[in-house]
């Protein structure tokens, strides 16, 4: 989504995990926010919720974390303050055993943020069913889950032109033979 302040936002994904906000209104002003919180979180998307708040998808899950509720858990959505350039919290995302959620892209439809989960094994050797998660932006909480049975690696999502529906893309599992990958893509 577009930054309401008109800044250009660059996502330095892996391994740095940094958002860079470029403001050209009065010369060049650069602000950065690290979203790795101690590990290479591989951010994929930023969705602005207003003038000073946004969600950031963090694709990677930290396998060395001790406290599952900690900010350095990953595989989640970070809630950030885009004016103060600080992390306000996180929204945990669930996955099946043996898989990480791997949230990739987001879209806003009817006041709810939808997140596409790739739902893959950490080494990308296996895939769980594709998932879409709905997030209530007032409560910063997951309130809907759709499983796309028979489809894998569903990491792309886009609202339609009226923001009344969603387009979802599933790539299948790249580690599979071509025919099986095609059969689980859509």
N, C-alpha and C. Protein backbone atom coordinates (compact mmCIF):
# COMPACT_ATOMS: atom_id res chain seq x y z
N UNK A 1 0.84 -1.19 0.00
CA UNK A 1 0.00 0.00 0.00
C UNK A 1 0.88 1.24 0.00
N UNK A 2 0.29 2.34 -0.28
CA UNK A 2 1.03 3.59 -0.39
C UNK A 2 1.16 4.27 0.97
N UNK A 3 2.33 4.79 1.26
CA UNK A 3 2.57 5.52 2.50
C UNK A 3 1.73 6.80 2.48
N UNK A 4 0.83 7.01 3.45
CA UNK A 4 0.01 8.22 3.47
C UNK A 4 0.82 9.51 3.56
N UNK A 5 2.07 9.40 4.05
CA UNK A 5 2.94 10.58 4.14
C UNK A 5 3.65 10.87 2.83
N UNK A 6 3.47 10.03 1.84
CA UNK A 6 4.09 10.25 0.53
C UNK A 6 5.53 9.81 0.42
N UNK A 7 6.03 9.10 1.41
CA UNK A 7 7.42 8.64 1.36
C UNK A 7 7.53 7.40 0.48
N UNK A 8 8.69 7.23 -0.10
CA UNK A 8 9.03 5.99 -0.81
C UNK A 8 9.58 5.03 0.23
N UNK A 9 9.08 3.79 0.24
CA UNK A 9 9.51 2.81 1.23
C UNK A 9 10.23 1.67 0.52
N UNK A 10 11.45 1.43 0.93
CA UNK A 10 12.26 0.34 0.39
C UNK A 10 12.37 -0.76 1.44
N UNK A 11 12.21 -2.01 1.01
CA UNK A 11 12.33 -3.15 1.90
C UNK A 11 13.63 -3.88 1.58
N UNK A 12 14.57 -3.83 2.51
CA UNK A 12 15.82 -4.58 2.39
C UNK A 12 15.58 -5.90 3.10
N UNK A 13 15.28 -6.94 2.32
CA UNK A 13 14.72 -8.17 2.86
C UNK A 13 15.70 -9.02 3.65
N UNK A 14 16.63 -9.65 2.97
CA UNK A 14 17.48 -10.65 3.61
C UNK A 14 18.93 -10.38 3.27
N UNK A 15 19.81 -10.35 4.18
CA UNK A 15 19.69 -10.67 5.59
C UNK A 15 19.44 -9.45 6.49
N UNK A 16 19.41 -8.24 5.94
CA UNK A 16 19.41 -7.03 6.75
C UNK A 16 18.11 -6.73 7.48
N UNK A 17 16.96 -6.99 6.86
CA UNK A 17 15.65 -6.78 7.48
C UNK A 17 15.47 -5.33 7.95
N UNK A 18 15.57 -4.41 6.99
CA UNK A 18 15.46 -2.98 7.30
C UNK A 18 14.47 -2.34 6.34
N UNK A 19 13.61 -1.46 6.89
CA UNK A 19 12.73 -0.62 6.07
C UNK A 19 13.38 0.75 5.98
N UNK A 20 13.46 1.28 4.77
CA UNK A 20 14.01 2.62 4.56
C UNK A 20 12.91 3.51 4.00
N UNK A 21 12.67 4.62 4.66
CA UNK A 21 11.64 5.58 4.27
C UNK A 21 12.35 6.81 3.70
N UNK A 22 12.09 7.11 2.43
CA UNK A 22 12.70 8.25 1.75
C UNK A 22 11.65 9.33 1.53
N UNK A 23 11.93 10.52 2.07
CA UNK A 23 11.02 11.66 1.94
C UNK A 23 11.71 12.72 1.09
N UNK A 24 11.07 13.07 -0.04
CA UNK A 24 11.67 14.02 -0.98
C UNK A 24 11.02 15.40 -0.92
N UNK A 25 10.13 15.65 0.06
CA UNK A 25 9.38 16.91 0.11
C UNK A 25 10.26 18.13 0.28
N UNK A 26 11.22 18.06 1.18
CA UNK A 26 12.13 19.19 1.44
C UNK A 26 13.56 18.69 1.35
N UNK A 27 13.99 18.35 0.16
CA UNK A 27 15.28 17.71 0.01
C UNK A 27 15.11 16.23 0.30
N UNK A 28 16.17 15.55 0.57
CA UNK A 28 16.09 14.11 0.85
C UNK A 28 16.23 13.88 2.35
N UNK A 29 15.22 13.25 2.92
CA UNK A 29 15.25 12.85 4.33
C UNK A 29 15.11 11.33 4.36
N UNK A 30 16.01 10.67 5.07
CA UNK A 30 16.04 9.22 5.13
C UNK A 30 15.83 8.77 6.59
N UNK A 31 14.88 7.84 6.78
CA UNK A 31 14.67 7.22 8.08
C UNK A 31 14.66 5.72 7.87
N UNK A 32 15.17 4.99 8.86
CA UNK A 32 15.20 3.54 8.77
C UNK A 32 14.65 2.91 10.04
N UNK A 33 14.08 1.71 9.85
CA UNK A 33 13.58 0.92 10.96
C UNK A 33 14.02 -0.52 10.75
N UNK A 34 14.80 -1.04 11.68
CA UNK A 34 15.22 -2.44 11.63
C UNK A 34 14.05 -3.30 12.13
N UNK A 35 13.67 -4.30 11.36
CA UNK A 35 12.56 -5.18 11.74
C UNK A 35 13.01 -6.62 11.95
N UNK A 36 14.32 -6.82 12.08
CA UNK A 36 14.86 -8.15 12.29
C UNK A 36 14.83 -8.59 13.74
N UNK A 37 14.88 -7.66 14.67
CA UNK A 37 14.89 -7.93 16.12
C UNK A 37 15.83 -9.07 16.49
N UNK A 38 17.03 -9.04 15.93
CA UNK A 38 18.05 -10.01 16.31
C UNK A 38 18.23 -11.19 15.39
N UNK A 39 17.48 -11.25 14.28
CA UNK A 39 17.65 -12.34 13.31
C UNK A 39 17.25 -11.83 11.93
N UNK A 40 17.60 -12.57 10.90
CA UNK A 40 17.30 -12.18 9.51
C UNK A 40 15.84 -12.51 9.21
N UNK A 41 14.93 -11.61 9.54
CA UNK A 41 13.48 -11.89 9.49
C UNK A 41 12.89 -11.88 8.08
N UNK A 42 13.61 -11.37 7.10
CA UNK A 42 13.19 -11.38 5.70
C UNK A 42 11.80 -10.76 5.49
N UNK A 43 11.63 -9.45 5.78
CA UNK A 43 10.34 -8.80 5.57
C UNK A 43 9.96 -8.80 4.08
N UNK A 44 8.68 -9.04 3.79
CA UNK A 44 8.22 -9.10 2.41
C UNK A 44 7.29 -7.97 2.02
N UNK A 45 6.54 -7.40 2.97
CA UNK A 45 5.52 -6.43 2.59
C UNK A 45 5.27 -5.46 3.74
N UNK A 46 4.80 -4.26 3.39
CA UNK A 46 4.37 -3.24 4.36
C UNK A 46 2.98 -2.80 3.92
N UNK A 47 2.04 -2.77 4.87
CA UNK A 47 0.69 -2.29 4.58
C UNK A 47 0.35 -1.20 5.59
N UNK A 48 0.10 0.01 5.07
CA UNK A 48 -0.18 1.17 5.92
C UNK A 48 -1.64 1.16 6.35
N UNK A 49 -1.87 1.40 7.64
CA UNK A 49 -3.20 1.37 8.23
C UNK A 49 -3.70 2.77 8.57
N UNK A 50 -2.93 3.76 8.29
CA UNK A 50 -3.26 5.15 8.60
C UNK A 50 -2.00 5.97 8.57
N UNK A 51 -2.06 7.16 9.13
CA UNK A 51 -0.93 8.08 9.06
C UNK A 51 0.29 7.63 9.85
N UNK A 52 0.09 6.80 10.87
CA UNK A 52 1.24 6.47 11.71
C UNK A 52 1.34 4.99 12.10
N UNK A 53 0.61 4.13 11.41
CA UNK A 53 0.63 2.71 11.77
C UNK A 53 0.68 1.85 10.53
N UNK A 54 1.41 0.73 10.63
CA UNK A 54 1.51 -0.20 9.50
C UNK A 54 1.80 -1.60 10.02
N UNK A 55 1.52 -2.58 9.16
CA UNK A 55 1.91 -3.97 9.40
C UNK A 55 3.06 -4.31 8.47
N UNK A 56 3.95 -5.18 8.95
CA UNK A 56 5.08 -5.69 8.16
C UNK A 56 5.05 -7.21 8.26
N UNK A 57 5.04 -7.90 7.11
CA UNK A 57 5.14 -9.36 7.14
C UNK A 57 6.61 -9.75 7.32
N UNK A 58 6.83 -10.69 8.23
CA UNK A 58 8.18 -11.23 8.43
C UNK A 58 8.14 -12.70 8.05
N UNK A 59 8.70 -12.99 6.88
CA UNK A 59 8.65 -14.30 6.25
C UNK A 59 9.37 -15.37 7.06
N UNK A 60 10.51 -15.02 7.62
CA UNK A 60 11.34 -16.00 8.32
C UNK A 60 10.88 -16.18 9.78
N UNK A 61 11.07 -17.39 10.27
CA UNK A 61 10.84 -17.71 11.68
C UNK A 61 12.20 -17.96 12.32
N UNK A 62 12.39 -17.44 13.50
CA UNK A 62 13.65 -17.59 14.22
C UNK A 62 13.66 -18.93 14.93
N UNK A 63 14.45 -19.86 14.45
CA UNK A 63 14.52 -21.20 15.03
C UNK A 63 15.25 -21.25 16.36
N UNK A 64 15.94 -20.19 16.73
CA UNK A 64 16.72 -20.18 17.97
C UNK A 64 16.03 -19.43 19.10
N UNK A 65 14.82 -18.95 18.90
CA UNK A 65 14.14 -18.16 19.92
C UNK A 65 13.77 -19.02 21.12
N UNK A 66 13.86 -18.45 22.31
CA UNK A 66 13.53 -19.17 23.54
C UNK A 66 12.09 -18.90 23.97
N UNK A 67 11.61 -17.66 23.79
CA UNK A 67 10.28 -17.25 24.24
C UNK A 67 9.38 -17.07 23.02
N UNK A 68 8.39 -17.94 22.83
CA UNK A 68 7.54 -17.93 21.64
C UNK A 68 6.72 -16.66 21.51
N UNK A 69 6.55 -15.88 22.58
CA UNK A 69 5.78 -14.64 22.50
C UNK A 69 6.66 -13.43 22.24
N UNK A 70 7.96 -13.62 22.20
CA UNK A 70 8.90 -12.52 22.05
C UNK A 70 8.88 -11.93 20.65
N UNK A 71 9.32 -10.68 20.54
CA UNK A 71 9.37 -10.01 19.25
C UNK A 71 10.30 -10.70 18.27
N UNK A 72 11.27 -11.45 18.77
CA UNK A 72 12.22 -12.10 17.86
C UNK A 72 11.76 -13.48 17.41
N UNK A 73 10.48 -13.80 17.55
CA UNK A 73 9.94 -15.09 17.11
C UNK A 73 9.86 -15.17 15.59
N UNK A 74 9.39 -14.11 14.92
CA UNK A 74 9.25 -14.10 13.46
C UNK A 74 8.06 -14.90 12.99
N UNK A 75 7.95 -15.07 11.65
CA UNK A 75 6.80 -15.75 11.06
C UNK A 75 5.51 -15.08 11.47
N UNK A 76 5.50 -13.74 11.42
CA UNK A 76 4.43 -12.97 12.02
C UNK A 76 4.19 -11.66 11.26
N UNK A 77 3.32 -10.85 11.83
CA UNK A 77 3.15 -9.47 11.40
C UNK A 77 3.68 -8.58 12.52
N UNK A 78 4.54 -7.65 12.17
CA UNK A 78 4.93 -6.64 13.15
C UNK A 78 3.97 -5.47 13.01
N UNK A 79 3.63 -4.86 14.12
CA UNK A 79 2.86 -3.63 14.14
C UNK A 79 3.88 -2.52 14.39
N UNK A 80 3.96 -1.57 13.46
CA UNK A 80 4.98 -0.52 13.60
C UNK A 80 4.34 0.86 13.62
N UNK A 81 5.02 1.77 14.30
CA UNK A 81 4.69 3.19 14.32
C UNK A 81 5.56 3.83 13.25
N UNK A 82 4.94 4.31 12.18
CA UNK A 82 5.71 4.85 11.05
C UNK A 82 6.11 6.31 11.24
N UNK A 83 5.61 6.96 12.25
CA UNK A 83 6.07 8.32 12.59
C UNK A 83 7.25 8.26 13.56
N UNK A 84 7.08 7.50 14.63
CA UNK A 84 8.13 7.37 15.63
C UNK A 84 9.20 6.36 15.27
N UNK A 85 9.00 5.62 14.16
CA UNK A 85 9.95 4.61 13.69
C UNK A 85 10.29 3.62 14.80
N UNK A 86 9.23 2.96 15.31
CA UNK A 86 9.47 1.94 16.33
C UNK A 86 8.45 0.82 16.20
N UNK A 87 8.84 -0.33 16.72
CA UNK A 87 7.98 -1.50 16.71
C UNK A 87 7.05 -1.41 17.92
N UNK A 88 5.74 -1.60 17.67
CA UNK A 88 4.76 -1.53 18.75
C UNK A 88 4.34 -2.91 19.25
N UNK A 89 4.47 -3.93 18.41
CA UNK A 89 4.07 -5.27 18.83
C UNK A 89 4.11 -6.23 17.66
N UNK A 90 3.55 -7.41 17.90
CA UNK A 90 3.52 -8.44 16.85
C UNK A 90 2.20 -9.19 16.91
N UNK A 91 1.83 -9.73 15.76
CA UNK A 91 0.66 -10.59 15.65
C UNK A 91 1.17 -11.96 15.23
N UNK A 92 1.00 -12.92 16.12
CA UNK A 92 1.48 -14.28 15.86
C UNK A 92 0.63 -14.93 14.77
N UNK A 93 1.26 -15.72 13.94
CA UNK A 93 0.58 -16.48 12.89
C UNK A 93 0.90 -17.95 13.09
N UNK A 94 -0.11 -18.78 12.96
CA UNK A 94 0.04 -20.21 13.23
C UNK A 94 0.33 -21.00 11.95
N UNK A 95 0.93 -22.17 12.15
CA UNK A 95 1.19 -23.10 11.05
C UNK A 95 1.08 -24.53 11.57
N UNK A 96 0.97 -25.46 10.66
CA UNK A 96 0.95 -26.87 11.04
C UNK A 96 2.34 -27.30 11.49
N UNK A 97 2.42 -28.38 12.27
CA UNK A 97 3.71 -28.93 12.70
C UNK A 97 4.58 -29.23 11.49
N UNK A 98 5.85 -28.84 11.58
CA UNK A 98 6.79 -29.09 10.49
C UNK A 98 6.85 -27.99 9.45
N UNK A 99 5.98 -26.98 9.59
CA UNK A 99 5.94 -25.87 8.63
C UNK A 99 6.02 -24.54 9.37
N UNK A 100 6.50 -23.53 8.69
CA UNK A 100 6.46 -22.15 9.19
C UNK A 100 5.37 -21.41 8.43
N UNK A 101 4.75 -20.38 9.04
CA UNK A 101 3.68 -19.67 8.34
C UNK A 101 4.18 -18.96 7.06
N UNK A 102 5.35 -18.35 7.12
CA UNK A 102 5.95 -17.63 6.00
C UNK A 102 4.98 -16.63 5.36
N UNK A 103 4.54 -15.62 6.14
CA UNK A 103 3.66 -14.60 5.57
C UNK A 103 4.40 -13.77 4.52
N UNK A 104 3.74 -13.55 3.40
CA UNK A 104 4.40 -12.84 2.31
C UNK A 104 3.72 -11.50 2.01
N UNK A 105 2.62 -11.53 1.32
CA UNK A 105 1.95 -10.29 0.89
C UNK A 105 0.65 -10.09 1.66
N UNK A 106 0.18 -8.82 1.65
CA UNK A 106 -1.05 -8.44 2.35
C UNK A 106 -1.94 -7.60 1.43
N UNK A 107 -3.24 -7.59 1.74
CA UNK A 107 -4.19 -6.74 1.03
C UNK A 107 -5.32 -6.38 2.00
N UNK A 108 -5.87 -5.18 1.84
CA UNK A 108 -6.97 -4.71 2.68
C UNK A 108 -8.28 -4.84 1.91
N UNK A 109 -9.25 -5.53 2.50
CA UNK A 109 -10.59 -5.65 1.92
C UNK A 109 -11.60 -5.53 3.06
N UNK A 110 -12.53 -4.62 2.90
CA UNK A 110 -13.63 -4.43 3.87
C UNK A 110 -13.13 -4.25 5.30
N UNK A 111 -12.08 -3.45 5.47
CA UNK A 111 -11.57 -3.15 6.80
C UNK A 111 -10.77 -4.25 7.46
N UNK A 112 -10.51 -5.32 6.76
CA UNK A 112 -9.72 -6.43 7.28
C UNK A 112 -8.47 -6.60 6.41
N UNK A 113 -7.36 -6.86 7.06
CA UNK A 113 -6.12 -7.15 6.34
C UNK A 113 -6.05 -8.65 6.11
N UNK A 114 -5.85 -9.04 4.85
CA UNK A 114 -5.68 -10.45 4.49
C UNK A 114 -4.21 -10.70 4.21
N UNK A 115 -3.71 -11.78 4.77
CA UNK A 115 -2.29 -12.13 4.66
C UNK A 115 -2.18 -13.49 3.98
N UNK A 116 -1.36 -13.57 2.94
CA UNK A 116 -1.10 -14.83 2.25
C UNK A 116 0.06 -15.53 2.94
N UNK A 117 -0.18 -16.78 3.36
CA UNK A 117 0.86 -17.58 4.02
C UNK A 117 1.37 -18.64 3.06
N UNK A 118 2.68 -18.66 2.85
CA UNK A 118 3.27 -19.68 1.99
C UNK A 118 3.22 -21.05 2.65
N UNK A 119 3.33 -21.12 3.99
CA UNK A 119 3.14 -22.33 4.78
C UNK A 119 4.05 -23.46 4.29
N UNK A 120 5.34 -23.24 4.43
CA UNK A 120 6.35 -24.18 3.93
C UNK A 120 7.26 -24.68 5.04
N UNK A 121 7.94 -25.80 4.78
CA UNK A 121 9.01 -26.26 5.67
C UNK A 121 10.14 -25.23 5.61
N UNK A 122 10.84 -25.07 6.70
CA UNK A 122 11.90 -24.05 6.79
C UNK A 122 12.96 -24.24 5.70
N UNK A 123 13.21 -25.49 5.28
CA UNK A 123 14.20 -25.73 4.22
C UNK A 123 13.56 -25.80 2.83
N UNK A 124 12.28 -25.46 2.72
CA UNK A 124 11.53 -25.41 1.47
C UNK A 124 11.36 -26.77 0.79
N UNK A 125 11.53 -27.85 1.54
CA UNK A 125 11.43 -29.19 0.97
C UNK A 125 10.01 -29.75 0.95
N UNK A 126 9.11 -29.14 1.69
CA UNK A 126 7.72 -29.63 1.78
C UNK A 126 6.79 -28.44 2.00
N UNK A 127 5.52 -28.66 1.67
CA UNK A 127 4.53 -27.58 1.81
C UNK A 127 3.28 -28.08 2.49
N UNK A 128 2.75 -27.25 3.37
CA UNK A 128 1.43 -27.47 3.92
C UNK A 128 0.43 -26.81 2.99
N UNK A 129 -0.86 -26.96 3.24
CA UNK A 129 -1.86 -26.32 2.38
C UNK A 129 -1.74 -24.79 2.44
N UNK A 130 -2.01 -24.14 1.32
CA UNK A 130 -1.99 -22.69 1.27
C UNK A 130 -2.99 -22.12 2.27
N UNK A 131 -2.68 -20.95 2.80
CA UNK A 131 -3.54 -20.34 3.81
C UNK A 131 -3.70 -18.84 3.56
N UNK A 132 -4.89 -18.35 3.89
CA UNK A 132 -5.15 -16.92 3.96
C UNK A 132 -5.62 -16.62 5.38
N UNK A 133 -5.08 -15.59 5.97
CA UNK A 133 -5.42 -15.20 7.33
C UNK A 133 -6.01 -13.80 7.28
N UNK A 134 -7.13 -13.62 7.98
CA UNK A 134 -7.74 -12.31 8.12
C UNK A 134 -7.38 -11.71 9.46
N UNK A 135 -7.02 -10.41 9.46
CA UNK A 135 -6.60 -9.73 10.69
C UNK A 135 -7.52 -8.54 10.94
N UNK A 136 -8.09 -8.50 12.14
CA UNK A 136 -8.91 -7.38 12.61
C UNK A 136 -7.95 -6.26 13.00
N UNK A 137 -8.00 -5.14 12.28
CA UNK A 137 -7.04 -4.05 12.50
C UNK A 137 -7.33 -3.25 13.76
N UNK A 138 -8.53 -3.33 14.28
CA UNK A 138 -8.86 -2.64 15.53
C UNK A 138 -8.24 -3.35 16.73
N UNK A 139 -8.21 -4.68 16.67
CA UNK A 139 -7.70 -5.48 17.78
C UNK A 139 -6.29 -6.02 17.54
N UNK A 140 -5.77 -5.83 16.32
CA UNK A 140 -4.48 -6.42 15.93
C UNK A 140 -4.47 -7.91 16.26
N UNK A 141 -5.50 -8.61 15.76
CA UNK A 141 -5.65 -10.03 16.06
C UNK A 141 -6.20 -10.78 14.85
N UNK A 142 -5.74 -12.01 14.68
CA UNK A 142 -6.26 -12.88 13.63
C UNK A 142 -7.70 -13.25 13.99
N UNK A 143 -8.62 -13.07 13.02
CA UNK A 143 -10.02 -13.43 13.28
C UNK A 143 -10.63 -14.27 12.16
N UNK A 144 -9.83 -14.66 11.17
CA UNK A 144 -10.32 -15.53 10.09
C UNK A 144 -9.16 -16.32 9.52
N UNK A 145 -9.48 -17.54 9.09
CA UNK A 145 -8.47 -18.41 8.47
C UNK A 145 -9.15 -19.24 7.39
N UNK A 146 -8.57 -19.20 6.18
CA UNK A 146 -9.05 -20.03 5.09
C UNK A 146 -7.90 -20.92 4.63
N UNK A 147 -8.16 -22.21 4.59
CA UNK A 147 -7.18 -23.17 4.09
C UNK A 147 -7.53 -23.50 2.66
N UNK A 148 -6.55 -23.43 1.78
CA UNK A 148 -6.72 -23.69 0.35
C UNK A 148 -6.23 -25.10 0.06
N UNK A 149 -7.06 -26.08 0.40
CA UNK A 149 -6.68 -27.49 0.25
C UNK A 149 -6.28 -27.80 -1.20
N UNK A 150 -5.21 -28.56 -1.34
CA UNK A 150 -4.74 -28.98 -2.65
C UNK A 150 -3.84 -27.95 -3.33
N UNK A 151 -3.67 -26.78 -2.71
CA UNK A 151 -2.81 -25.74 -3.26
C UNK A 151 -1.66 -25.48 -2.29
N UNK A 152 -0.49 -25.18 -2.84
CA UNK A 152 0.70 -24.95 -2.03
C UNK A 152 1.37 -23.63 -2.37
N UNK A 153 2.07 -23.10 -1.35
CA UNK A 153 2.92 -21.92 -1.53
C UNK A 153 2.11 -20.75 -2.07
N UNK A 154 1.07 -20.39 -1.36
CA UNK A 154 0.16 -19.30 -1.77
C UNK A 154 0.62 -17.99 -1.16
N UNK A 155 1.66 -17.41 -1.71
CA UNK A 155 2.30 -16.24 -1.12
C UNK A 155 1.92 -14.91 -1.71
N UNK A 156 1.10 -14.88 -2.76
CA UNK A 156 0.75 -13.60 -3.38
C UNK A 156 -0.74 -13.34 -3.23
N UNK A 157 -1.08 -12.09 -2.92
CA UNK A 157 -2.48 -11.69 -2.74
C UNK A 157 -2.61 -10.24 -3.19
N UNK A 158 -3.75 -9.93 -3.78
CA UNK A 158 -4.00 -8.57 -4.27
C UNK A 158 -5.50 -8.30 -4.20
N UNK A 159 -5.87 -7.15 -3.68
CA UNK A 159 -7.28 -6.76 -3.69
C UNK A 159 -7.68 -6.41 -5.11
N UNK A 160 -8.95 -6.68 -5.47
CA UNK A 160 -9.42 -6.27 -6.78
C UNK A 160 -9.57 -4.75 -6.83
N UNK A 161 -9.91 -4.20 -7.98
CA UNK A 161 -9.95 -2.75 -8.16
C UNK A 161 -10.92 -2.05 -7.21
N UNK A 162 -11.99 -2.70 -6.81
CA UNK A 162 -12.97 -2.10 -5.91
C UNK A 162 -12.67 -2.41 -4.44
N UNK A 163 -11.60 -3.16 -4.16
CA UNK A 163 -11.25 -3.62 -2.82
C UNK A 163 -12.41 -4.37 -2.17
N UNK A 164 -13.11 -5.15 -3.00
CA UNK A 164 -14.23 -5.94 -2.48
C UNK A 164 -13.94 -7.45 -2.56
N UNK A 165 -12.87 -7.82 -3.20
CA UNK A 165 -12.49 -9.22 -3.33
C UNK A 165 -10.98 -9.35 -3.45
N UNK A 166 -10.51 -10.59 -3.49
CA UNK A 166 -9.08 -10.84 -3.51
C UNK A 166 -8.69 -11.74 -4.67
N UNK A 167 -7.51 -11.52 -5.19
CA UNK A 167 -6.85 -12.42 -6.11
C UNK A 167 -5.71 -13.06 -5.35
N UNK A 168 -5.59 -14.38 -5.45
CA UNK A 168 -4.54 -15.12 -4.75
C UNK A 168 -3.78 -15.95 -5.78
N UNK A 169 -2.47 -16.04 -5.60
CA UNK A 169 -1.64 -16.85 -6.49
C UNK A 169 -0.87 -17.87 -5.67
N UNK A 170 -0.89 -19.11 -6.12
CA UNK A 170 -0.17 -20.21 -5.46
C UNK A 170 0.83 -20.78 -6.46
N UNK A 171 2.09 -20.89 -6.06
CA UNK A 171 3.16 -21.33 -6.96
C UNK A 171 3.41 -22.82 -6.94
N UNK A 172 2.82 -23.55 -5.99
CA UNK A 172 3.17 -24.94 -5.84
C UNK A 172 4.53 -25.05 -5.17
N UNK A 173 4.97 -26.26 -4.94
CA UNK A 173 6.25 -26.48 -4.27
C UNK A 173 7.34 -26.66 -5.32
N UNK A 174 8.31 -25.76 -5.33
CA UNK A 174 9.38 -25.80 -6.33
C UNK A 174 10.25 -27.04 -6.21
N UNK A 175 10.31 -27.65 -5.02
CA UNK A 175 11.13 -28.85 -4.83
C UNK A 175 10.50 -30.10 -5.45
N UNK A 176 9.23 -30.02 -5.86
CA UNK A 176 8.53 -31.16 -6.46
C UNK A 176 8.85 -31.28 -7.94
N UNK A 177 8.55 -32.43 -8.49
CA UNK A 177 8.66 -32.58 -9.94
C UNK A 177 7.67 -31.61 -10.60
N UNK A 178 7.92 -31.23 -11.81
CA UNK A 178 7.15 -30.18 -12.48
C UNK A 178 5.65 -30.47 -12.52
N UNK A 179 5.24 -31.67 -12.85
CA UNK A 179 3.81 -31.99 -12.96
C UNK A 179 3.10 -31.82 -11.61
N UNK A 180 3.74 -32.23 -10.52
CA UNK A 180 3.13 -32.07 -9.20
C UNK A 180 3.10 -30.61 -8.78
N UNK A 181 4.16 -29.87 -9.11
CA UNK A 181 4.17 -28.45 -8.80
C UNK A 181 3.01 -27.75 -9.52
N UNK A 182 2.84 -28.03 -10.77
CA UNK A 182 1.75 -27.41 -11.55
C UNK A 182 0.39 -27.80 -10.97
N UNK A 183 0.26 -29.05 -10.55
CA UNK A 183 -1.05 -29.51 -10.00
C UNK A 183 -1.41 -28.81 -8.71
N UNK A 184 -0.41 -28.30 -7.94
CA UNK A 184 -0.69 -27.63 -6.66
C UNK A 184 -0.55 -26.12 -6.77
N UNK A 185 -0.50 -25.61 -7.98
CA UNK A 185 -0.43 -24.15 -8.19
C UNK A 185 -1.78 -23.68 -8.74
N UNK A 186 -2.02 -22.40 -8.59
CA UNK A 186 -3.27 -21.80 -9.10
C UNK A 186 -3.13 -20.31 -9.16
